[in-house]
């Protein structure tokens, strides 16, 4: 990989049933995900429809994966948050019980320490996501219009909305990490008894969502199949545009995505990525790939790769 005038050798080992491993310049990386920030990629796949129609976890993963590609240190931030969350949930189960008389006081005392850890790491992740959504928003609106080939309606019926929804109410103007941590701590205090009764953490970015709207309605449940695909493609194209704005073009990977698109969207997507520095396309059916994107072609049959 060549980036910023420097070359790096990245090796990735995929082990079915085991953890994947990655090496940088022959040296092992602590986590395979750390390679994402070195070889920057944006992947389109048939699973992308879940960004619109799927669970909040799908949209959180989209944001966090993009954060790691932009700034690899967020891989550690997310890992730290997940570790704190697991420990805190364990303590909540230990300290909890139906009714205050059954509380484990020792566990409650320890829980206060993990409250602070959760607020600190949660605020770091929350602030980064809020900043990222602000960066994505104008690109999503632009790319949706390009993919769907629509003109703005006078009533705003096809306006695209992208809003980050925390698991608790905070002032939209609050983005400072210290203020966000304080807000999380306050909400933890409010929800303390509920958390102890249920034995799970009810406050934090692990319960947030990314609200997607088309006009005045949620895209999930109200948009057509074609509109949902246009929205999903707009999200991926927006991720690409943000990374391109940050620096060099990322590698664009179109993983059998054309099989899911109608002919008009296939060719529109091909036009939109035509000026990308490097595009890798996979397809089970060669005819699915627009001719605009066919350059070097390789056929894979029964484990054998040939240059077509």
C-alpha atoms as a PDB file:
ATOM      1  CA  UNK A   1       0.000   0.000   0.000  1.00  0.00           C
ATOM      2  CA  UNK A   2       1.294   3.455  -0.868  1.00  0.00           C
ATOM      3  CA  UNK A   3      -0.057   6.409   1.098  1.00  0.00           C
ATOM      4  CA  UNK A   4       1.280   9.874   1.847  1.00  0.00           C
ATOM      5  CA  UNK A   5       4.426   9.053  -0.139  1.00  0.00           C
ATOM      6  CA  UNK A   6       5.215   5.983   1.974  1.00  0.00           C
ATOM      7  CA  UNK A   7       4.869   2.294   1.234  1.00  0.00           C
ATOM      8  CA  UNK A   8       3.628  -0.351   3.667  1.00  0.00           C
ATOM      9  CA  UNK A   9       3.144  -4.099   3.365  1.00  0.00           C
ATOM     10  CA  UNK A  10      -0.132  -5.343   4.854  1.00  0.00           C
ATOM     11  CA  UNK A  11      -0.836  -9.061   5.253  1.00  0.00           C
ATOM     12  CA  UNK A  12      -4.152 -10.427   6.500  1.00  0.00           C
ATOM     13  CA  UNK A  13      -4.722 -14.019   7.568  1.00  0.00           C
ATOM     14  CA  UNK A  14      -8.342 -15.192   7.640  1.00  0.00           C
ATOM     15  CA  UNK A  15      -8.855 -18.215   9.869  1.00  0.00           C
ATOM     16  CA  UNK A  16     -12.311 -19.863   9.763  1.00  0.00           C
ATOM     17  CA  UNK A  17     -13.520 -20.354  13.303  1.00  0.00           C
ATOM     18  CA  UNK A  18     -10.614 -18.381  14.760  1.00  0.00           C
ATOM     19  CA  UNK A  19      -9.573 -14.763  15.115  1.00  0.00           C
ATOM     20  CA  UNK A  20      -8.247 -13.105  11.980  1.00  0.00           C
ATOM     21  CA  UNK A  21      -4.679 -11.828  12.129  1.00  0.00           C
ATOM     22  CA  UNK A  22      -2.943  -8.942  10.400  1.00  0.00           C
ATOM     23  CA  UNK A  23       0.684  -7.915   9.951  1.00  0.00           C
ATOM     24  CA  UNK A  24       2.184  -4.563   9.025  1.00  0.00           C
ATOM     25  CA  UNK A  25       5.652  -4.676   7.467  1.00  0.00           C
ATOM     26  CA  UNK A  26       6.003  -8.255   8.778  1.00  0.00           C
ATOM     27  CA  UNK A  27       5.145  -7.212  12.344  1.00  0.00           C
ATOM     28  CA  UNK A  28       1.935  -8.461  13.992  1.00  0.00           C
ATOM     29  CA  UNK A  29      -0.791  -5.919  14.705  1.00  0.00           C
ATOM     30  CA  UNK A  30      -2.519  -6.217  18.113  1.00  0.00           C
ATOM     31  CA  UNK A  31      -5.908  -6.320  16.368  1.00  0.00           C
ATOM     32  CA  UNK A  32      -6.665  -7.135  12.731  1.00  0.00           C
ATOM     33  CA  UNK A  33      -9.039  -4.157  12.592  1.00  0.00           C
ATOM     34  CA  UNK A  34      -6.085  -1.791  12.963  1.00  0.00           C
ATOM     35  CA  UNK A  35      -5.221  -2.488   9.325  1.00  0.00           C
ATOM     36  CA  UNK A  36      -8.390  -0.602   8.348  1.00  0.00           C
ATOM     37  CA  UNK A  37      -6.780   2.749   8.983  1.00  0.00           C
ATOM     38  CA  UNK A  38      -3.774   1.878   6.824  1.00  0.00           C
ATOM     39  CA  UNK A  39      -5.559   0.390   3.826  1.00  0.00           C
ATOM     40  CA  UNK A  40      -8.646   2.581   3.671  1.00  0.00           C
ATOM     41  CA  UNK A  41     -11.587   0.925   1.948  1.00  0.00           C
ATOM     42  CA  UNK A  42     -15.294   1.453   1.397  1.00  0.00           C
ATOM     43  CA  UNK A  43     -17.241  -1.741   0.752  1.00  0.00           C
ATOM     44  CA  UNK A  44     -20.636  -1.953  -0.943  1.00  0.00           C
ATOM     45  CA  UNK A  45     -22.399  -5.305  -0.472  1.00  0.00           C
ATOM     46  CA  UNK A  46     -25.893  -6.867  -0.683  1.00  0.00           C
ATOM     47  CA  UNK A  47     -26.066  -6.560   3.124  1.00  0.00           C
ATOM     48  CA  UNK A  48     -26.117  -2.760   2.845  1.00  0.00           C
ATOM     49  CA  UNK A  49     -29.914  -2.720   2.739  1.00  0.00           C
ATOM     50  CA  UNK A  50     -29.721  -3.432   6.489  1.00  0.00           C
ATOM     51  CA  UNK A  51     -28.370   0.105   6.949  1.00  0.00           C
ATOM     52  CA  UNK A  52     -31.892   1.304   6.176  1.00  0.00           C
ATOM     53  CA  UNK A  53     -34.159  -1.621   7.048  1.00  0.00           C
ATOM     54  CA  UNK A  54     -32.094  -3.314   9.757  1.00  0.00           C
ATOM     55  CA  UNK A  55     -31.617  -2.853  13.486  1.00  0.00           C
ATOM     56  CA  UNK A  56     -29.914   0.142  15.158  1.00  0.00           C
ATOM     57  CA  UNK A  57     -26.834  -2.053  15.651  1.00  0.00           C
ATOM     58  CA  UNK A  58     -26.332  -2.133  11.858  1.00  0.00           C
ATOM     59  CA  UNK A  59     -26.245   1.652  11.691  1.00  0.00           C
ATOM     60  CA  UNK A  60     -24.002   1.951  14.767  1.00  0.00           C
ATOM     61  CA  UNK A  61     -21.563  -0.502  13.172  1.00  0.00           C
ATOM     62  CA  UNK A  62     -21.540   1.581   9.980  1.00  0.00           C
ATOM     63  CA  UNK A  63     -20.551   4.684  11.945  1.00  0.00           C
ATOM     64  CA  UNK A  64     -17.954   2.935  14.092  1.00  0.00           C
ATOM     65  CA  UNK A  65     -16.312   1.165  11.149  1.00  0.00           C
ATOM     66  CA  UNK A  66     -15.998   4.487   9.336  1.00  0.00           C
ATOM     67  CA  UNK A  67     -14.571   6.118  12.471  1.00  0.00           C
ATOM     68  CA  UNK A  68     -11.850   3.459  12.627  1.00  0.00           C
ATOM     69  CA  UNK A  69     -10.967   3.916   8.954  1.00  0.00           C
ATOM     70  CA  UNK A  70     -10.667   7.690   9.450  1.00  0.00           C
ATOM     71  CA  UNK A  71      -8.839   7.474  12.787  1.00  0.00           C
ATOM     72  CA  UNK A  72      -7.598   3.996  13.778  1.00  0.00           C
ATOM     73  CA  UNK A  73      -7.371   4.976  17.453  1.00  0.00           C
ATOM     74  CA  UNK A  74     -11.158   4.629  17.669  1.00  0.00           C
ATOM     75  CA  UNK A  75     -10.731   0.876  17.398  1.00  0.00           C
ATOM     76  CA  UNK A  76      -9.213   1.064  20.876  1.00  0.00           C
ATOM     77  CA  UNK A  77     -11.896   3.476  22.095  1.00  0.00           C
ATOM     78  CA  UNK A  78     -14.647   1.090  21.009  1.00  0.00           C
ATOM     79  CA  UNK A  79     -12.848  -1.905  22.531  1.00  0.00           C
ATOM     80  CA  UNK A  80     -12.436  -0.027  25.817  1.00  0.00           C
ATOM     81  CA  UNK A  81     -16.110   0.897  25.842  1.00  0.00           C
ATOM     82  CA  UNK A  82     -17.201  -2.685  25.137  1.00  0.00           C
ATOM     83  CA  UNK A  83     -14.955  -3.967  27.935  1.00  0.00           C
ATOM     84  CA  UNK A  84     -16.361  -1.448  30.420  1.00  0.00           C
ATOM     85  CA  UNK A  85     -19.898  -2.282  29.306  1.00  0.00           C
ATOM     86  CA  UNK A  86     -19.394  -6.022  29.867  1.00  0.00           C
ATOM     87  CA  UNK A  87     -17.895  -5.452  33.319  1.00  0.00           C
ATOM     88  CA  UNK A  88     -20.643  -3.037  34.296  1.00  0.00           C
ATOM     89  CA  UNK A  89     -23.391  -5.430  33.174  1.00  0.00           C
ATOM     90  CA  UNK A  90     -21.811  -8.174  35.275  1.00  0.00           C
ATOM     91  CA  UNK A  91     -21.818  -5.881  38.304  1.00  0.00           C
ATOM     92  CA  UNK A  92     -25.417  -4.831  37.694  1.00  0.00           C
ATOM     93  CA  UNK A  93     -26.490  -8.469  37.733  1.00  0.00           C
ATOM     94  CA  UNK A  94     -24.491  -9.039  40.915  1.00  0.00           C
ATOM     95  CA  UNK A  95     -25.724  -5.906  42.675  1.00  0.00           C
ATOM     96  CA  UNK A  96     -29.305  -6.064  41.446  1.00  0.00           C
ATOM     97  CA  UNK A  97     -32.470  -7.693  42.603  1.00  0.00           C
ATOM     98  CA  UNK A  98     -36.123  -6.888  42.704  1.00  0.00           C
ATOM     99  CA  UNK A  99     -36.374  -4.215  45.374  1.00  0.00           C
ATOM    100  CA  UNK A 100     -33.859  -2.097  47.268  1.00  0.00           C
ATOM    101  CA  UNK A 101     -33.705  -4.549  50.197  1.00  0.00           C
ATOM    102  CA  UNK A 102     -31.977  -7.113  47.991  1.00  0.00           C
ATOM    103  CA  UNK A 103     -29.165  -4.869  46.712  1.00  0.00           C
ATOM    104  CA  UNK A 104     -25.554  -6.017  47.068  1.00  0.00           C
ATOM    105  CA  UNK A 105     -23.932  -3.002  48.738  1.00  0.00           C
ATOM    106  CA  UNK A 106     -20.356  -4.076  47.964  1.00  0.00           C
ATOM    107  CA  UNK A 107     -21.145  -4.441  44.270  1.00  0.00           C
ATOM    108  CA  UNK A 108     -22.977  -1.105  44.317  1.00  0.00           C
ATOM    109  CA  UNK A 109     -19.850   0.618  45.624  1.00  0.00           C
ATOM    110  CA  UNK A 110     -17.726  -0.938  42.870  1.00  0.00           C
ATOM    111  CA  UNK A 111     -20.370  -0.032  40.310  1.00  0.00           C
ATOM    112  CA  UNK A 112     -19.794   3.679  40.910  1.00  0.00           C
ATOM    113  CA  UNK A 113     -16.217   3.306  39.647  1.00  0.00           C
ATOM    114  CA  UNK A 114     -17.442   1.670  36.443  1.00  0.00           C
ATOM    115  CA  UNK A 115     -20.081   4.375  36.025  1.00  0.00           C
ATOM    116  CA  UNK A 116     -17.269   6.894  35.599  1.00  0.00           C
ATOM    117  CA  UNK A 117     -15.424   4.625  33.151  1.00  0.00           C
ATOM    118  CA  UNK A 118     -18.604   4.164  31.109  1.00  0.00           C
ATOM    119  CA  UNK A 119     -19.268   7.911  31.031  1.00  0.00           C
ATOM    120  CA  UNK A 120     -15.711   8.720  29.945  1.00  0.00           C
ATOM    121  CA  UNK A 121     -15.398   6.120  27.174  1.00  0.00           C
ATOM    122  CA  UNK A 122     -19.028   6.575  26.143  1.00  0.00           C
ATOM    123  CA  UNK A 123     -18.577  10.332  25.788  1.00  0.00           C
ATOM    124  CA  UNK A 124     -15.505   9.796  23.605  1.00  0.00           C
ATOM    125  CA  UNK A 125     -17.429   7.488  21.273  1.00  0.00           C
ATOM    126  CA  UNK A 126     -20.577   9.617  21.307  1.00  0.00           C
ATOM    127  CA  UNK A 127     -18.717  12.833  20.456  1.00  0.00           C
ATOM    128  CA  UNK A 128     -16.918  11.150  17.555  1.00  0.00           C
ATOM    129  CA  UNK A 129     -20.170   9.780  16.151  1.00  0.00           C
ATOM    130  CA  UNK A 130     -21.886  13.168  16.396  1.00  0.00           C
ATOM    131  CA  UNK A 131     -19.028  14.827  14.510  1.00  0.00           C
ATOM    132  CA  UNK A 132     -19.060  12.086  11.874  1.00  0.00           C
ATOM    133  CA  UNK A 133     -22.803  12.395  11.242  1.00  0.00           C
ATOM    134  CA  UNK A 134     -22.379  16.149  10.737  1.00  0.00           C
ATOM    135  CA  UNK A 135     -19.668  15.402   8.159  1.00  0.00           C
ATOM    136  CA  UNK A 136     -21.782  12.781   6.379  1.00  0.00           C
ATOM    137  CA  UNK A 137     -25.065  14.702   6.220  1.00  0.00           C
ATOM    138  CA  UNK A 138     -24.468  16.965   3.171  1.00  0.00           C
ATOM    139  CA  UNK A 139     -22.890  14.133   1.190  1.00  0.00           C
ATOM    140  CA  UNK A 140     -25.777  11.743   1.907  1.00  0.00           C
ATOM    141  CA  UNK A 141     -28.298  14.304   0.654  1.00  0.00           C
ATOM    142  CA  UNK A 142     -26.291  14.957  -2.506  1.00  0.00           C
ATOM    143  CA  UNK A 143     -25.602  11.325  -3.313  1.00  0.00           C
ATOM    144  CA  UNK A 144     -29.199  10.275  -2.709  1.00  0.00           C
ATOM    145  CA  UNK A 145     -30.353  12.738  -5.358  1.00  0.00           C
ATOM    146  CA  UNK A 146     -27.642  11.473  -7.714  1.00  0.00           C
ATOM    147  CA  UNK A 147     -28.456   7.781  -7.255  1.00  0.00           C
ATOM    148  CA  UNK A 148     -32.239   8.172  -7.261  1.00  0.00           C
ATOM    149  CA  UNK A 149     -32.028  10.757 -10.053  1.00  0.00           C
ATOM    150  CA  UNK A 150     -34.606  12.941  -8.310  1.00  0.00           C
ATOM    151  CA  UNK A 151     -35.226  16.658  -8.209  1.00  0.00           C
ATOM    152  CA  UNK A 152     -36.225  18.290  -4.903  1.00  0.00           C
ATOM    153  CA  UNK A 153     -40.003  18.384  -4.393  1.00  0.00           C
ATOM    154  CA  UNK A 154     -41.627  21.677  -3.331  1.00  0.00           C
ATOM    155  CA  UNK A 155     -43.169  19.949  -0.289  1.00  0.00           C
ATOM    156  CA  UNK A 156     -39.848  18.382   0.738  1.00  0.00           C
ATOM    157  CA  UNK A 157     -41.276  14.908   0.184  1.00  0.00           C
ATOM    158  CA  UNK A 158     -37.954  13.495  -0.969  1.00  0.00           C
ATOM    159  CA  UNK A 159     -35.676  15.444   1.382  1.00  0.00           C
ATOM    160  CA  UNK A 160     -33.157  13.142   3.021  1.00  0.00           C
ATOM    161  CA  UNK A 161     -32.623  13.393   6.773  1.00  0.00           C
ATOM    162  CA  UNK A 162     -29.739  12.042   8.846  1.00  0.00           C
ATOM    163  CA  UNK A 163     -29.913  12.604  12.621  1.00  0.00           C
ATOM    164  CA  UNK A 164     -28.009  10.898  15.422  1.00  0.00           C
ATOM    165  CA  UNK A 165     -30.348   9.747  18.207  1.00  0.00           C
ATOM    166  CA  UNK A 166     -28.718   9.185  21.620  1.00  0.00           C
ATOM    167  CA  UNK A 167     -30.383   6.834  24.102  1.00  0.00           C
ATOM    168  CA  UNK A 168     -31.238   9.803  26.316  1.00  0.00           C
ATOM    169  CA  UNK A 169     -32.122  13.452  25.815  1.00  0.00           C
ATOM    170  CA  UNK A 170     -29.222  15.861  25.455  1.00  0.00           C
ATOM    171  CA  UNK A 171     -28.982  19.384  24.084  1.00  0.00           C
ATOM    172  CA  UNK A 172     -28.086  19.332  20.382  1.00  0.00           C
ATOM    173  CA  UNK A 173     -25.478  22.009  21.038  1.00  0.00           C
ATOM    174  CA  UNK A 174     -23.534  19.807  23.471  1.00  0.00           C
ATOM    175  CA  UNK A 175     -20.532  18.200  21.755  1.00  0.00           C
ATOM    176  CA  UNK A 176     -17.805  18.736  24.363  1.00  0.00           C
ATOM    177  CA  UNK A 177     -16.615  15.395  25.716  1.00  0.00           C
ATOM    178  CA  UNK A 178     -16.616  16.540  29.354  1.00  0.00           C
ATOM    179  CA  UNK A 179     -20.190  17.806  29.059  1.00  0.00           C
ATOM    180  CA  UNK A 180     -21.294  14.595  27.352  1.00  0.00           C
ATOM    181  CA  UNK A 181     -19.670  12.525  30.107  1.00  0.00           C
ATOM    182  CA  UNK A 182     -21.499  14.605  32.719  1.00  0.00           C
ATOM    183  CA  UNK A 183     -24.791  14.090  30.861  1.00  0.00           C
ATOM    184  CA  UNK A 184     -24.223  10.326  30.789  1.00  0.00           C
ATOM    185  CA  UNK A 185     -23.460  10.296  34.527  1.00  0.00           C
ATOM    186  CA  UNK A 186     -26.656  12.249  35.230  1.00  0.00           C
ATOM    187  CA  UNK A 187     -28.752   9.820  33.186  1.00  0.00           C
ATOM    188  CA  UNK A 188     -27.097   6.841  34.894  1.00  0.00           C
ATOM    189  CA  UNK A 189     -28.279   8.275  38.209  1.00  0.00           C
ATOM    190  CA  UNK A 190     -31.812   8.674  36.875  1.00  0.00           C
ATOM    191  CA  UNK A 191     -31.919   5.102  35.524  1.00  0.00           C
ATOM    192  CA  UNK A 192     -30.073   3.419  38.411  1.00  0.00           C
ATOM    193  CA  UNK A 193     -32.992   1.408  39.807  1.00  0.00           C
ATOM    194  CA  UNK A 194     -34.168   0.339  36.349  1.00  0.00           C
ATOM    195  CA  UNK A 195     -30.669  -0.892  35.511  1.00  0.00           C
ATOM    196  CA  UNK A 196     -30.366  -2.821  38.768  1.00  0.00           C
ATOM    197  CA  UNK A 197     -33.774  -4.426  38.277  1.00  0.00           C
ATOM    198  CA  UNK A 198     -32.958  -5.495  34.711  1.00  0.00           C
ATOM    199  CA  UNK A 199     -29.252  -6.218  35.162  1.00  0.00           C
ATOM    200  CA  UNK A 200     -28.180  -4.345  32.017  1.00  0.00           C
ATOM    201  CA  UNK A 201     -26.782  -0.925  31.130  1.00  0.00           C
ATOM    202  CA  UNK A 202     -29.570   1.248  29.737  1.00  0.00           C
ATOM    203  CA  UNK A 203     -27.528   4.395  29.078  1.00  0.00           C
ATOM    204  CA  UNK A 204     -24.762   4.872  26.529  1.00  0.00           C
ATOM    205  CA  UNK A 205     -23.860   4.827  22.836  1.00  0.00           C
ATOM    206  CA  UNK A 206     -24.489   1.061  22.620  1.00  0.00           C
ATOM    207  CA  UNK A 207     -28.211   1.923  22.655  1.00  0.00           C
ATOM    208  CA  UNK A 208     -28.122   4.850  20.201  1.00  0.00           C
ATOM    209  CA  UNK A 209     -29.463   4.930  16.652  1.00  0.00           C
ATOM    210  CA  UNK A 210     -28.970   6.830  13.410  1.00  0.00           C
ATOM    211  CA  UNK A 211     -32.329   8.175  12.263  1.00  0.00           C
ATOM    212  CA  UNK A 212     -32.821   8.099   8.481  1.00  0.00           C
ATOM    213  CA  UNK A 213     -35.788   9.951   7.031  1.00  0.00           C
ATOM    214  CA  UNK A 214     -37.190  10.558   3.582  1.00  0.00           C
ATOM    215  CA  UNK A 215     -39.441  13.570   3.635  1.00  0.00           C
ATOM    216  CA  UNK A 216     -41.240  13.562   6.977  1.00  0.00           C
ATOM    217  CA  UNK A 217     -41.247   9.768   7.356  1.00  0.00           C
ATOM    218  CA  UNK A 218     -38.711   7.235   8.654  1.00  0.00           C
ATOM    219  CA  UNK A 219     -36.963   5.480   5.790  1.00  0.00           C
ATOM    220  CA  UNK A 220     -37.323   2.191   7.661  1.00  0.00           C
ATOM    221  CA  UNK A 221     -40.841   0.928   7.130  1.00  0.00           C
ATOM    222  CA  UNK A 222     -41.985   3.678   4.764  1.00  0.00           C
ATOM    223  CA  UNK A 223     -39.518   3.853   1.866  1.00  0.00           C
ATOM    224  CA  UNK A 224     -39.916   1.601  -1.154  1.00  0.00           C
ATOM    225  CA  UNK A 225     -37.356  -1.067  -2.017  1.00  0.00           C
ATOM    226  CA  UNK A 226     -35.788   1.224  -4.618  1.00  0.00           C
ATOM    227  CA  UNK A 227     -35.728   4.211  -2.260  1.00  0.00           C
ATOM    228  CA  UNK A 228     -34.144   2.067   0.458  1.00  0.00           C
ATOM    229  CA  UNK A 229     -31.389   0.967  -1.916  1.00  0.00           C
ATOM    230  CA  UNK A 230     -30.818   4.556  -3.023  1.00  0.00           C
ATOM    231  CA  UNK A 231     -30.448   5.548   0.642  1.00  0.00           C
ATOM    232  CA  UNK A 232     -28.052   2.678   1.383  1.00  0.00           C
ATOM    233  CA  UNK A 233     -25.895   3.547  -1.630  1.00  0.00           C
ATOM    234  CA  UNK A 234     -25.959   7.224  -0.615  1.00  0.00           C
ATOM    235  CA  UNK A 235     -24.592   6.296   2.826  1.00  0.00           C
ATOM    236  CA  UNK A 236     -21.694   4.335   1.322  1.00  0.00           C
ATOM    237  CA  UNK A 237     -20.959   7.025  -1.257  1.00  0.00           C
ATOM    238  CA  UNK A 238     -21.009   9.615   1.528  1.00  0.00           C
ATOM    239  CA  UNK A 239     -18.473   7.537   3.471  1.00  0.00           C
ATOM    240  CA  UNK A 240     -16.278   7.489   0.369  1.00  0.00           C
ATOM    241  CA  UNK A 241     -16.631  11.261  -0.093  1.00  0.00           C
ATOM    242  CA  UNK A 242     -15.690  11.972   3.530  1.00  0.00           C
ATOM    243  CA  UNK A 243     -12.573   9.793   3.242  1.00  0.00           C
ATOM    244  CA  UNK A 244     -11.663  11.378  -0.091  1.00  0.00           C
ATOM    245  CA  UNK A 245     -11.977  14.828   1.482  1.00  0.00           C
ATOM    246  CA  UNK A 246      -9.655  13.710   4.288  1.00  0.00           C
ATOM    247  CA  UNK A 247      -6.903  12.692   1.881  1.00  0.00           C
ATOM    248  CA  UNK A 248      -6.213  10.013  -0.727  1.00  0.00           C
ATOM    249  CA  UNK A 249      -9.010   8.063  -2.389  1.00  0.00           C
ATOM    250  CA  UNK A 250      -9.894   4.887  -0.488  1.00  0.00           C
ATOM    251  CA  UNK A 251     -10.119   1.606  -2.393  1.00  0.00           C
ATOM    252  CA  UNK A 252     -13.720   1.066  -3.451  1.00  0.00           C
ATOM    253  CA  UNK A 253     -14.979  -2.532  -3.240  1.00  0.00           C
ATOM    254  CA  UNK A 254     -18.285  -3.409  -4.912  1.00  0.00           C
ATOM    255  CA  UNK A 255     -19.013  -6.897  -3.590  1.00  0.00           C
ATOM    256  CA  UNK A 256     -21.784  -8.423  -5.747  1.00  0.00           C
ATOM    257  CA  UNK A 257     -23.879  -5.326  -5.126  1.00  0.00           C
ATOM    258  CA  UNK A 258     -25.024  -4.955  -8.743  1.00  0.00           C
ATOM    259  CA  UNK A 259     -27.128  -8.123  -8.482  1.00  0.00           C
ATOM    260  CA  UNK A 260     -29.381  -6.240  -6.045  1.00  0.00           C
ATOM    261  CA  UNK A 261     -29.883  -3.130  -8.197  1.00  0.00           C
ATOM    262  CA  UNK A 262     -32.137  -2.378 -11.126  1.00  0.00           C
ATOM    263  CA  UNK A 263     -30.492  -1.492 -14.421  1.00  0.00           C
ATOM    264  CA  UNK A 264     -30.830   2.276 -13.945  1.00  0.00           C
ATOM    265  CA  UNK A 265     -29.165   2.232 -10.511  1.00  0.00           C
ATOM    266  CA  UNK A 266     -26.404  -0.081 -11.772  1.00  0.00           C
ATOM    267  CA  UNK A 267     -25.349   2.370 -14.441  1.00  0.00           C
ATOM    268  CA  UNK A 268     -25.837   5.388 -12.190  1.00  0.00           C
ATOM    269  CA  UNK A 269     -23.577   3.889  -9.518  1.00  0.00           C
ATOM    270  CA  UNK A 270     -20.988   3.026 -12.168  1.00  0.00           C
ATOM    271  CA  UNK A 271     -21.010   6.638 -13.392  1.00  0.00           C
ATOM    272  CA  UNK A 272     -20.611   8.005  -9.867  1.00  0.00           C
ATOM    273  CA  UNK A 273     -17.527   5.907  -9.077  1.00  0.00           C
ATOM    274  CA  UNK A 274     -15.915   6.120 -12.517  1.00  0.00           C
ATOM    275  CA  UNK A 275     -13.277   8.648 -11.406  1.00  0.00           C
ATOM    276  CA  UNK A 276     -12.217   6.596  -8.372  1.00  0.00           C
ATOM    277  CA  UNK A 277      -8.542   5.702  -8.291  1.00  0.00           C
ATOM    278  CA  UNK A 278      -9.060   1.982  -7.622  1.00  0.00           C
ATOM    279  CA  UNK A 279     -12.275  -0.064  -7.816  1.00  0.00           C
ATOM    280  CA  UNK A 280     -12.587  -3.801  -7.161  1.00  0.00           C
ATOM    281  CA  UNK A 281     -15.793  -5.478  -8.338  1.00  0.00           C
ATOM    282  CA  UNK A 282     -17.032  -8.991  -7.589  1.00  0.00           C
ATOM    283  CA  UNK A 283     -20.038 -10.597  -9.255  1.00  0.00           C
ATOM    284  CA  UNK A 284     -21.464 -14.090  -9.521  1.00  0.00           C
ATOM    285  CA  UNK A 285     -22.928 -13.179 -12.917  1.00  0.00           C
ATOM    286  CA  UNK A 286     -20.638 -11.228 -15.214  1.00  0.00           C
ATOM    287  CA  UNK A 287     -23.539  -9.579 -17.028  1.00  0.00           C
ATOM    288  CA  UNK A 288     -24.514  -7.791 -13.795  1.00  0.00           C
ATOM    289  CA  UNK A 289     -21.419  -5.570 -13.994  1.00  0.00           C
ATOM    290  CA  UNK A 290     -21.896  -2.382 -16.042  1.00  0.00           C
ATOM    291  CA  UNK A 291     -19.521  -2.178 -18.981  1.00  0.00           C
ATOM    292  CA  UNK A 292     -18.221   1.158 -17.639  1.00  0.00           C
ATOM    293  CA  UNK A 293     -16.431  -0.706 -14.844  1.00  0.00           C
ATOM    294  CA  UNK A 294     -14.945  -3.614 -16.775  1.00  0.00           C
ATOM    295  CA  UNK A 295     -11.174  -3.296 -17.167  1.00  0.00           C
ATOM    296  CA  UNK A 296      -8.998  -6.102 -15.858  1.00  0.00           C
ATOM    297  CA  UNK A 297     -11.203  -9.141 -15.326  1.00  0.00           C
ATOM    298  CA  UNK A 298     -10.471 -12.374 -13.493  1.00  0.00           C
ATOM    299  CA  UNK A 299     -12.621 -15.509 -13.439  1.00  0.00           C
ATOM    300  CA  UNK A 300     -12.640 -17.730 -10.358  1.00  0.00           C
ATOM    301  CA  UNK A 301     -13.859 -21.275 -10.978  1.00  0.00           C
ATOM    302  CA  UNK A 302     -13.412 -24.179  -8.584  1.00  0.00           C
ATOM    303  CA  UNK A 303     -10.541 -22.449  -6.835  1.00  0.00           C
ATOM    304  CA  UNK A 304      -8.688 -21.523 -10.028  1.00  0.00           C
ATOM    305  CA  UNK A 305      -8.119 -17.865 -10.970  1.00  0.00           C
ATOM    306  CA  UNK A 306      -7.634 -16.929 -14.620  1.00  0.00           C
ATOM    307  CA  UNK A 307      -7.231 -13.558 -16.331  1.00  0.00           C
ATOM    308  CA  UNK A 308     -10.195 -13.212 -18.672  1.00  0.00           C
END
